[in-house]
Amino acid sequence: MKKVGFIFFLLLGIAACGNVQEKMLIGQWQAAAVLEDGMPMPISPSDIGFEFSQNGQYSFRSTLLYREAGSFSVDGNLLFTLDTINEASTEKSVQIMQVTPDSLFLKMNAEGKEQIIKLFKINPAVKAN
């Protein structure tokens, strides 16, 4: 009986952790650094940003005027996105390395190379109109 209770609370804790992470994602994020295999990439981080909404929607902008938007979800330490504006899009996942009220580190694999995007949350009170 003790094992069943322990497993229940362990699963509840894991589910709650994902829920907390998902809630912490809500808002606008701006990239501060983009690393590939530990080295800064020769791109402007200011071109990269996310916005996550409470209704489970996201938007993403990147270099070369790339845009995507759609739905997102969090399962454990994985962030899943499904782009609904670009044709033939599939669900993508990236690892949430860290999320705090003001910072978000995402880790992904791009063509066999580890990439890390370090983002900071844009304060809504400071956001330009």
Protein backbone atom coordinates (compact mmCIF):
# COMPACT_ATOMS: atom_id res chain seq x y z
CA MET A 1 0.00 0.00 0.00
CA LYS A 2 2.86 2.37 0.78
CA LYS A 3 4.31 1.74 -2.70
CA VAL A 4 0.99 2.64 -4.35
CA GLY A 5 0.81 5.89 -2.36
CA PHE A 6 4.40 6.75 -3.20
CA ILE A 7 3.87 6.10 -6.92
CA PHE A 8 0.67 8.19 -6.86
CA PHE A 9 2.42 11.17 -5.26
CA LEU A 10 5.42 10.78 -7.58
CA LEU A 11 3.16 10.87 -10.66
CA LEU A 12 1.20 13.78 -9.20
CA GLY A 13 4.46 15.68 -8.63
CA ILE A 14 5.64 15.04 -12.18
CA ALA A 15 2.31 16.21 -13.61
CA ALA A 16 2.30 19.31 -11.39
CA CYS A 17 5.86 20.15 -12.44
CA GLY A 18 4.85 20.18 -16.12
CA ASN A 19 1.84 22.35 -15.27
CA VAL A 20 4.05 24.82 -13.36
CA GLN A 21 6.51 24.97 -16.27
CA GLU A 22 3.68 25.56 -18.72
CA LYS A 23 2.33 28.42 -16.60
CA MET A 24 5.80 29.96 -16.33
CA LEU A 25 6.10 29.99 -20.13
CA ILE A 26 3.11 32.31 -20.54
CA GLY A 27 4.26 35.67 -21.90
CA GLN A 28 6.77 37.08 -24.37
CA TRP A 29 10.36 35.87 -24.57
CA GLN A 30 13.34 37.43 -26.33
CA ALA A 31 16.53 35.52 -27.17
CA ALA A 32 19.70 36.81 -25.54
CA ALA A 33 22.08 34.14 -26.87
CA VAL A 34 22.05 31.25 -29.32
CA LEU A 35 24.75 28.61 -28.93
CA GLU A 36 25.69 25.72 -31.21
CA ASP A 37 27.89 23.03 -29.69
CA GLY A 38 28.68 25.52 -26.91
CA MET A 39 29.79 28.36 -29.19
CA PRO A 40 27.82 31.56 -30.01
CA MET A 41 26.20 31.41 -33.43
CA PRO A 42 26.87 34.28 -35.87
CA ILE A 43 23.27 35.52 -35.80
CA SER A 44 21.47 38.33 -34.05
CA PRO A 45 19.57 36.93 -31.03
CA SER A 46 17.25 39.95 -31.23
CA ASP A 47 15.64 38.33 -34.32
CA ILE A 48 14.43 35.39 -32.22
CA GLY A 49 11.47 35.35 -29.88
CA PHE A 50 8.46 33.42 -28.61
CA GLU A 51 5.08 34.32 -27.25
CA PHE A 52 3.07 31.76 -25.28
CA SER A 53 -0.60 32.39 -24.46
CA GLN A 54 -2.74 30.98 -21.67
CA ASN A 55 -5.03 29.37 -24.25
CA GLY A 56 -2.23 27.01 -25.40
CA GLN A 57 -1.23 29.03 -28.48
CA TYR A 58 2.27 30.21 -29.37
CA SER A 59 4.03 32.29 -31.96
CA PHE A 60 7.70 32.16 -32.92
CA ARG A 61 9.89 34.47 -34.98
CA SER A 62 13.43 33.83 -36.11
CA THR A 63 16.10 34.93 -38.54
CA LEU A 64 15.37 35.52 -42.23
CA LEU A 65 11.82 36.65 -41.30
CA TYR A 66 10.80 33.06 -40.44
CA ARG A 67 7.49 32.83 -38.56
CA GLU A 68 5.37 30.06 -37.15
CA ALA A 69 2.38 29.85 -34.82
CA GLY A 70 0.05 27.23 -33.47
CA SER A 71 -0.51 25.21 -30.33
CA PHE A 72 1.92 24.20 -27.60
CA SER A 73 2.00 21.87 -24.62
CA VAL A 74 4.48 20.78 -21.98
CA ASP A 75 5.11 17.20 -20.89
CA GLY A 76 7.77 16.88 -18.22
CA ASN A 77 10.76 18.85 -19.49
CA LEU A 78 9.66 18.77 -23.13
CA LEU A 79 7.99 21.64 -24.96
CA PHE A 80 5.85 20.46 -27.88
CA THR A 81 4.77 22.85 -30.64
CA LEU A 82 2.52 22.28 -33.63
CA ASP A 83 2.80 24.97 -36.29
CA THR A 84 -0.55 25.56 -38.01
CA ILE A 85 0.41 28.37 -40.43
CA ASN A 86 3.09 26.62 -42.50
CA GLU A 87 2.11 23.76 -44.80
CA ALA A 88 3.19 20.18 -44.08
CA SER A 89 4.22 21.04 -40.55
CA THR A 90 4.77 18.35 -37.92
CA GLU A 91 4.88 18.50 -34.15
CA LYS A 92 8.29 19.52 -32.82
CA SER A 93 9.76 19.09 -29.38
CA VAL A 94 12.59 20.81 -27.56
CA GLN A 95 13.96 20.25 -24.09
CA ILE A 96 13.26 22.87 -21.43
CA MET A 97 16.61 23.04 -19.66
CA GLN A 98 15.50 25.80 -17.31
CA VAL A 99 12.49 28.02 -16.85
CA THR A 100 12.20 30.69 -14.17
CA PRO A 101 9.96 33.75 -13.98
CA ASP A 102 12.48 35.68 -16.10
CA SER A 103 14.63 33.17 -18.04
CA LEU A 104 14.08 30.24 -20.38
CA PHE A 105 16.77 27.93 -21.77
CA LEU A 106 15.74 25.61 -24.61
CA LYS A 107 17.90 22.79 -25.97
CA MET A 108 17.39 21.19 -29.38
CA ASN A 109 19.19 19.16 -32.00
CA ALA A 110 19.61 20.81 -35.40
CA GLU A 111 21.23 18.63 -38.05
CA GLY A 112 23.18 16.65 -35.44
CA LYS A 113 24.38 19.72 -33.56
CA GLU A 114 23.26 20.74 -30.09
CA GLN A 115 21.70 24.20 -30.02
CA ILE A 116 20.75 26.14 -26.92
CA ILE A 117 18.63 29.27 -26.97
CA LYS A 118 18.79 31.45 -23.88
CA LEU A 119 15.79 33.77 -23.59
CA PHE A 120 14.60 36.39 -21.13
CA LYS A 121 11.01 37.33 -20.42
CA ILE A 122 9.88 40.72 -21.71
CA ASN A 123 8.20 42.66 -18.95
CA PRO A 124 4.71 43.59 -20.22
CA ALA A 125 4.90 46.94 -18.43
CA VAL A 126 8.08 47.84 -20.37
CA LYS A 127 7.01 46.42 -23.77
CA ALA A 128 6.98 48.99 -26.58
CA ASN A 129 3.71 49.64 -28.41
